[in-house]
Protein backbone atom coordinates (compact mmCIF):
# COMPACT_ATOMS: atom_id res chain seq x y z
CA MET A 1 -21.20 -158.75 68.70
CA ASP A 2 -21.29 -161.34 71.59
CA LEU A 3 -24.40 -161.77 73.40
CA VAL A 4 -23.04 -163.86 76.06
CA PRO A 5 -19.83 -161.91 77.26
CA GLU A 6 -17.34 -163.08 79.76
CA LYS A 7 -19.51 -161.92 83.45
CA LYS A 8 -17.87 -160.37 85.70
CA HIS A 9 -18.18 -161.37 89.25
CA ASN A 10 -16.91 -160.00 92.23
CA PRO A 11 -15.96 -162.21 94.93
CA GLY A 12 -17.31 -160.73 98.38
CA ILE A 13 -20.87 -161.55 96.17
CA LYS A 14 -21.64 -165.77 96.37
CA ARG A 15 -24.81 -165.84 94.73
CA VAL A 16 -27.16 -163.15 92.63
CA ILE A 17 -30.75 -163.32 91.67
CA GLY A 18 -32.47 -161.50 89.29
CA ILE A 19 -36.33 -160.24 89.79
CA THR A 20 -37.63 -159.20 86.13
CA SER A 21 -40.92 -159.23 84.42
CA GLY A 22 -40.90 -157.66 81.37
CA LYS A 23 -44.38 -155.60 82.02
CA GLY A 24 -44.63 -152.91 84.43
CA GLY A 25 -46.82 -152.57 87.69
CA VAL A 26 -47.19 -156.80 88.45
CA GLY A 27 -45.26 -156.65 91.71
CA LYS A 28 -41.47 -156.93 90.74
CA SER A 29 -40.40 -155.03 93.62
CA THR A 30 -42.53 -156.16 96.22
CA VAL A 31 -41.42 -159.39 95.38
CA ALA A 32 -37.62 -158.50 95.20
CA VAL A 33 -38.58 -156.98 98.75
CA LEU A 34 -40.02 -160.03 100.29
CA LEU A 35 -37.54 -162.50 99.07
CA ALA A 36 -34.85 -159.86 100.56
CA GLN A 37 -36.03 -159.86 103.78
CA SER A 38 -37.37 -163.37 104.31
CA LEU A 39 -33.59 -164.12 103.49
CA ALA A 40 -32.97 -161.85 105.90
CA SER A 41 -34.50 -162.94 108.48
CA ARG A 42 -32.84 -166.36 108.33
CA GLY A 43 -29.24 -164.37 109.20
CA LEU A 44 -28.06 -164.53 106.06
CA LYS A 45 -26.47 -161.05 104.66
CA VAL A 46 -28.58 -159.08 101.57
CA GLY A 47 -28.38 -156.54 99.23
CA VAL A 48 -30.46 -155.51 96.63
CA LEU A 49 -29.01 -153.67 93.65
CA ASP A 50 -32.62 -150.84 92.44
CA ALA A 51 -31.48 -151.96 88.61
CA ASP A 52 -35.17 -149.78 87.85
CA LEU A 53 -33.12 -146.91 87.09
CA THR A 54 -36.16 -144.68 85.26
CA GLY A 55 -38.89 -145.72 88.13
CA PRO A 56 -36.49 -146.61 91.14
CA SER A 57 -39.21 -147.33 94.48
CA LEU A 58 -36.93 -150.01 96.65
CA PRO A 59 -35.78 -147.27 99.03
CA ARG A 60 -39.35 -145.99 100.09
CA LEU A 61 -40.24 -150.59 100.18
CA LEU A 62 -36.97 -150.81 102.71
CA GLY A 63 -38.05 -147.86 104.55
CA ILE A 64 -34.46 -145.95 103.47
CA ASP A 65 -36.22 -143.11 100.96
CA THR A 66 -34.84 -140.58 103.59
CA PHE A 67 -31.30 -141.58 103.42
CA ARG A 68 -28.81 -140.52 100.48
CA ALA A 69 -25.54 -143.11 99.44
CA GLU A 70 -22.22 -142.10 99.57
CA SER A 71 -19.53 -142.05 96.87
CA ASP A 72 -15.32 -141.18 97.46
CA GLY A 73 -15.47 -140.66 93.94
CA LYS A 74 -14.12 -144.12 93.09
CA ARG A 75 -17.00 -146.36 95.07
CA LEU A 76 -20.12 -146.00 95.89
CA TYR A 77 -21.57 -147.27 99.27
CA PRO A 78 -24.95 -148.69 99.83
CA VAL A 79 -27.25 -147.52 102.65
CA ILE A 80 -27.96 -150.32 105.25
CA ASN A 81 -32.02 -150.52 106.50
CA GLU A 82 -32.76 -151.54 110.08
CA GLU A 83 -33.22 -155.15 108.66
CA GLY A 84 -29.03 -155.19 107.99
CA ILE A 85 -30.13 -154.84 103.52
CA LYS A 86 -27.73 -153.41 101.94
CA VAL A 87 -29.66 -151.27 99.53
CA LEU A 88 -28.60 -149.35 96.42
CA SER A 89 -30.96 -147.61 93.97
CA ILE A 90 -30.55 -143.79 91.88
CA ASN A 91 -32.77 -142.47 94.43
CA LEU A 92 -30.69 -142.83 96.81
CA PHE A 93 -28.84 -139.93 94.95
CA SER A 94 -30.97 -138.09 94.02
CA GLU A 95 -31.94 -134.86 96.41
CA HIS A 96 -35.91 -135.35 95.84
CA GLU A 97 -37.18 -139.04 94.99
CA ASP A 98 -39.53 -137.81 92.32
CA GLU A 99 -36.92 -136.20 90.00
CA PRO A 100 -37.31 -138.14 86.45
CA VAL A 101 -34.32 -139.79 85.20
CA ILE A 102 -33.88 -138.60 81.82
CA TRP A 103 -30.57 -140.49 80.51
CA ARG A 104 -30.75 -141.73 77.40
CA GLY A 105 -29.83 -145.72 76.47
CA PRO A 106 -25.60 -145.90 76.97
CA LEU A 107 -25.96 -143.40 80.36
CA LEU A 108 -28.30 -145.97 81.86
CA ALA A 109 -25.86 -149.03 81.05
CA LYS A 110 -22.91 -146.85 82.43
CA ALA A 111 -24.48 -146.76 85.68
CA LEU A 112 -26.13 -149.99 86.42
CA GLU A 113 -22.08 -151.51 85.61
CA GLN A 114 -20.95 -148.88 87.98
CA PHE A 115 -23.83 -150.51 90.22
CA TRP A 116 -22.51 -153.83 89.84
CA GLY A 117 -18.46 -153.23 89.95
CA ASP A 118 -17.89 -149.72 91.85
CA THR A 119 -20.41 -150.74 94.65
CA GLU A 120 -18.72 -151.45 98.00
CA TRP A 121 -21.18 -154.16 98.42
CA GLY A 122 -18.30 -156.17 101.04
CA ASP A 123 -19.32 -160.03 102.15
CA LEU A 124 -22.79 -160.88 100.65
CA ASP A 125 -24.65 -164.50 100.53
CA PHE A 126 -27.63 -162.71 98.49
CA LEU A 127 -27.48 -159.89 95.82
CA ILE A 128 -31.35 -159.35 94.89
CA VAL A 129 -31.30 -157.35 91.29
CA ASP A 130 -34.86 -156.02 90.59
CA PHE A 131 -35.22 -155.21 87.02
CA PRO A 132 -37.02 -152.65 84.71
CA PRO A 133 -40.18 -153.51 82.38
CA GLY A 134 -39.32 -154.37 79.19
CA THR A 135 -36.32 -155.40 77.15
CA SER A 136 -34.03 -152.47 77.14
CA ASP A 137 -31.02 -151.51 77.69
CA ILE A 138 -30.49 -151.84 80.93
CA ALA A 139 -32.13 -155.50 81.18
CA LEU A 140 -29.66 -156.55 78.50
CA THR A 141 -26.90 -155.06 79.89
CA ALA A 142 -27.77 -156.46 83.40
CA PHE A 143 -28.38 -159.98 81.80
CA GLN A 144 -24.34 -159.51 79.67
CA THR A 145 -22.93 -157.77 82.81
CA ILE A 146 -23.73 -159.62 86.05
CA PRO A 147 -23.32 -163.68 86.60
CA PHE A 148 -27.04 -164.54 88.11
CA ALA A 149 -27.42 -168.04 89.73
CA GLY A 150 -31.18 -167.37 88.98
CA ILE A 151 -34.30 -165.83 88.00
CA ILE A 152 -37.61 -164.94 89.40
CA VAL A 153 -39.87 -163.66 86.61
CA VAL A 154 -42.94 -162.04 88.68
CA ALA A 155 -46.29 -162.01 86.66
CA THR A 156 -50.13 -161.37 87.33
CA PRO A 157 -52.33 -163.85 85.20
CA GLN A 158 -53.64 -162.20 82.03
CA ASP A 159 -53.79 -162.16 78.34
CA TYR A 160 -51.83 -159.58 77.52
CA VAL A 161 -49.78 -159.78 80.30
CA SER A 162 -48.26 -163.61 79.47
CA ILE A 163 -47.26 -161.99 76.15
CA ILE A 164 -45.09 -159.38 77.45
CA VAL A 165 -43.99 -161.43 80.44
CA THR A 166 -42.95 -164.03 77.72
CA LYS A 167 -40.42 -161.73 75.61
CA SER A 168 -38.62 -161.59 79.30
CA ILE A 169 -38.32 -164.74 79.56
CA LYS A 170 -37.14 -165.76 75.88
CA MET A 171 -34.63 -163.03 76.60
CA ALA A 172 -32.76 -164.37 79.96
CA THR A 173 -32.92 -168.12 78.02
CA MET A 174 -31.26 -166.32 74.88
CA LEU A 175 -28.59 -165.14 77.78
CA ASN A 176 -27.73 -167.85 79.78
CA ALA A 177 -29.33 -167.19 82.61
CA PRO A 178 -30.75 -169.70 84.79
CA ILE A 179 -34.76 -169.02 85.43
CA ILE A 180 -35.73 -170.43 88.90
CA GLY A 181 -39.74 -170.11 88.55
CA LEU A 182 -42.49 -167.65 88.47
CA VAL A 183 -44.55 -166.00 91.40
CA GLU A 184 -48.14 -165.78 90.24
CA ASN A 185 -49.15 -162.08 91.44
CA MET A 186 -52.87 -160.90 92.44
CA ARG A 187 -54.89 -164.19 90.80
CA THR A 188 -57.41 -163.92 93.87
CA LEU A 189 -57.80 -161.16 96.44
CA ILE A 190 -58.25 -161.93 100.12
CA CYS A 191 -61.07 -159.21 101.63
CA PRO A 192 -60.06 -157.04 104.22
CA GLY A 193 -62.92 -157.15 106.02
CA CYS A 194 -64.18 -160.58 105.70
CA GLY A 195 -61.32 -162.51 104.69
CA GLU A 196 -63.18 -164.20 101.49
CA THR A 197 -61.31 -165.08 98.92
CA VAL A 198 -61.99 -163.24 96.03
CA SER A 199 -60.91 -163.39 91.79
CA LEU A 200 -59.05 -160.61 90.63
CA PHE A 201 -57.03 -160.89 87.43
CA ASP A 202 -58.23 -164.20 86.07
CA ASP A 203 -57.05 -165.32 82.16
CA GLY A 204 -59.16 -168.17 82.70
CA SER A 205 -56.35 -170.71 83.12
CA THR A 206 -56.81 -172.66 86.23
CA GLU A 207 -53.87 -171.98 89.42
CA GLY A 208 -51.54 -175.33 88.78
CA THR A 209 -48.01 -176.49 88.90
CA THR A 210 -46.69 -174.66 85.75
CA ARG A 211 -47.98 -171.52 83.53
CA LEU A 212 -45.54 -169.53 80.82
CA GLY A 213 -43.71 -172.85 80.74
CA LEU A 214 -42.64 -172.19 84.60
CA PRO A 215 -42.99 -174.21 87.50
CA VAL A 216 -44.58 -171.34 89.65
CA ILE A 217 -43.34 -171.15 93.05
CA VAL A 218 -46.23 -169.71 94.85
CA SER A 219 -49.44 -167.59 93.87
CA LEU A 220 -49.79 -164.16 95.84
CA PRO A 221 -52.94 -162.74 96.52
CA TRP A 222 -53.22 -159.08 96.90
CA ARG A 223 -53.42 -157.76 100.01
CA LYS A 224 -54.74 -154.84 101.29
CA GLU A 225 -51.86 -154.83 104.35
CA VAL A 226 -49.35 -155.40 101.33
CA ALA A 227 -50.25 -152.76 98.50
CA GLN A 228 -50.70 -149.77 100.80
CA ALA A 229 -47.61 -150.67 102.98
CA ARG A 230 -45.62 -147.25 102.29
CA SER A 231 -42.83 -149.70 103.51
CA LEU A 232 -42.37 -153.64 103.98
CA ARG A 233 -41.04 -154.01 107.12
CA TRP A 234 -40.63 -157.94 108.26
CA SER A 235 -41.13 -157.09 111.35
CA GLN A 236 -45.08 -154.95 110.94
CA ILE A 237 -45.78 -157.54 107.82
CA SER A 238 -48.34 -160.16 108.61
CA GLU A 239 -47.68 -163.90 109.17
CA ALA A 240 -49.78 -164.51 106.31
CA THR A 241 -47.39 -162.46 104.15
CA LYS A 242 -43.95 -164.17 105.96
CA LYS A 243 -45.06 -166.85 104.95
CA ASP A 244 -45.64 -166.16 100.86
CA ALA A 245 -41.82 -164.62 101.08
CA ASP A 246 -40.69 -167.50 103.20
CA ARG A 247 -41.16 -169.99 100.43
CA ILE A 248 -40.11 -167.68 97.55
CA ALA A 249 -37.15 -167.67 99.55
CA ASP A 250 -37.05 -171.58 100.50
CA GLU A 251 -37.03 -172.51 96.52
CA ALA A 252 -34.53 -169.57 95.49
CA GLU A 253 -31.92 -170.95 98.07
CA ARG A 254 -32.93 -174.99 97.02
CA SER A 255 -32.10 -173.30 93.40
CA VAL A 256 -29.33 -171.81 94.18
CA LEU A 257 -27.36 -173.76 96.22
CA GLN A 258 -27.14 -176.72 93.94
CA ALA A 259 -25.28 -174.09 91.52
CA GLU A 260 -21.47 -173.28 92.42
CA PRO A 261 -21.11 -170.32 94.03
CA CYS A 262 -19.66 -167.11 91.76
CA PRO A 263 -16.11 -167.42 91.04
CA ALA A 264 -13.40 -164.82 92.18
CA PRO A 265 -12.54 -162.99 88.49
């Protein structure tokens, strides 16, 4: 089997950026939302595809968990949040957001193909794809189906996390998906009382410009306002968090705009 088959291009979507980790609980979906919000704040047309089919969280983070997506039997229609971001997640087709998705790999892979190919995304400058943890069928289908302009890797600075995340990095490389860089999350904590910076997750390494063989885009501290927020609305997050989100968006734009736009099929 060819690991890198011909990708399925969508003529309305200019650039696709994947957010991956390999490890759950490192803030991958938070990074996806912050990136989408920052890009949308610049007047760009942005969509978010929640590829974490068995653990979706993007509708809540984007403030649309009480809405439901629609389908006419042939096409899927994303929900649009207040910032104008188009969102498609399996939770938007469930009556209750806590209902488990108990499907085998082939069904999950097929659902992801539909989310990409059978959705009325319209014209987008950027589509952000939030990957599931690990290197399972869903991740493989995403890499083989979607023409990514770039991949952003999210990790916490812990030895065992680095081992797991490295698997996702190697998977992206094997499948010819260009990696933009690393967002390091939760190395430090910003005390909500005094504002002091405290070491949180520390693998003994020092903060620098590279980790896991990748350039570090930004090191995000743990912030109470982000960790405990029900949703991450651009108008409600702090200027410090916006600045971090803008650094991710700046690097994403810089990296992927050097590549050619997705061609028409």
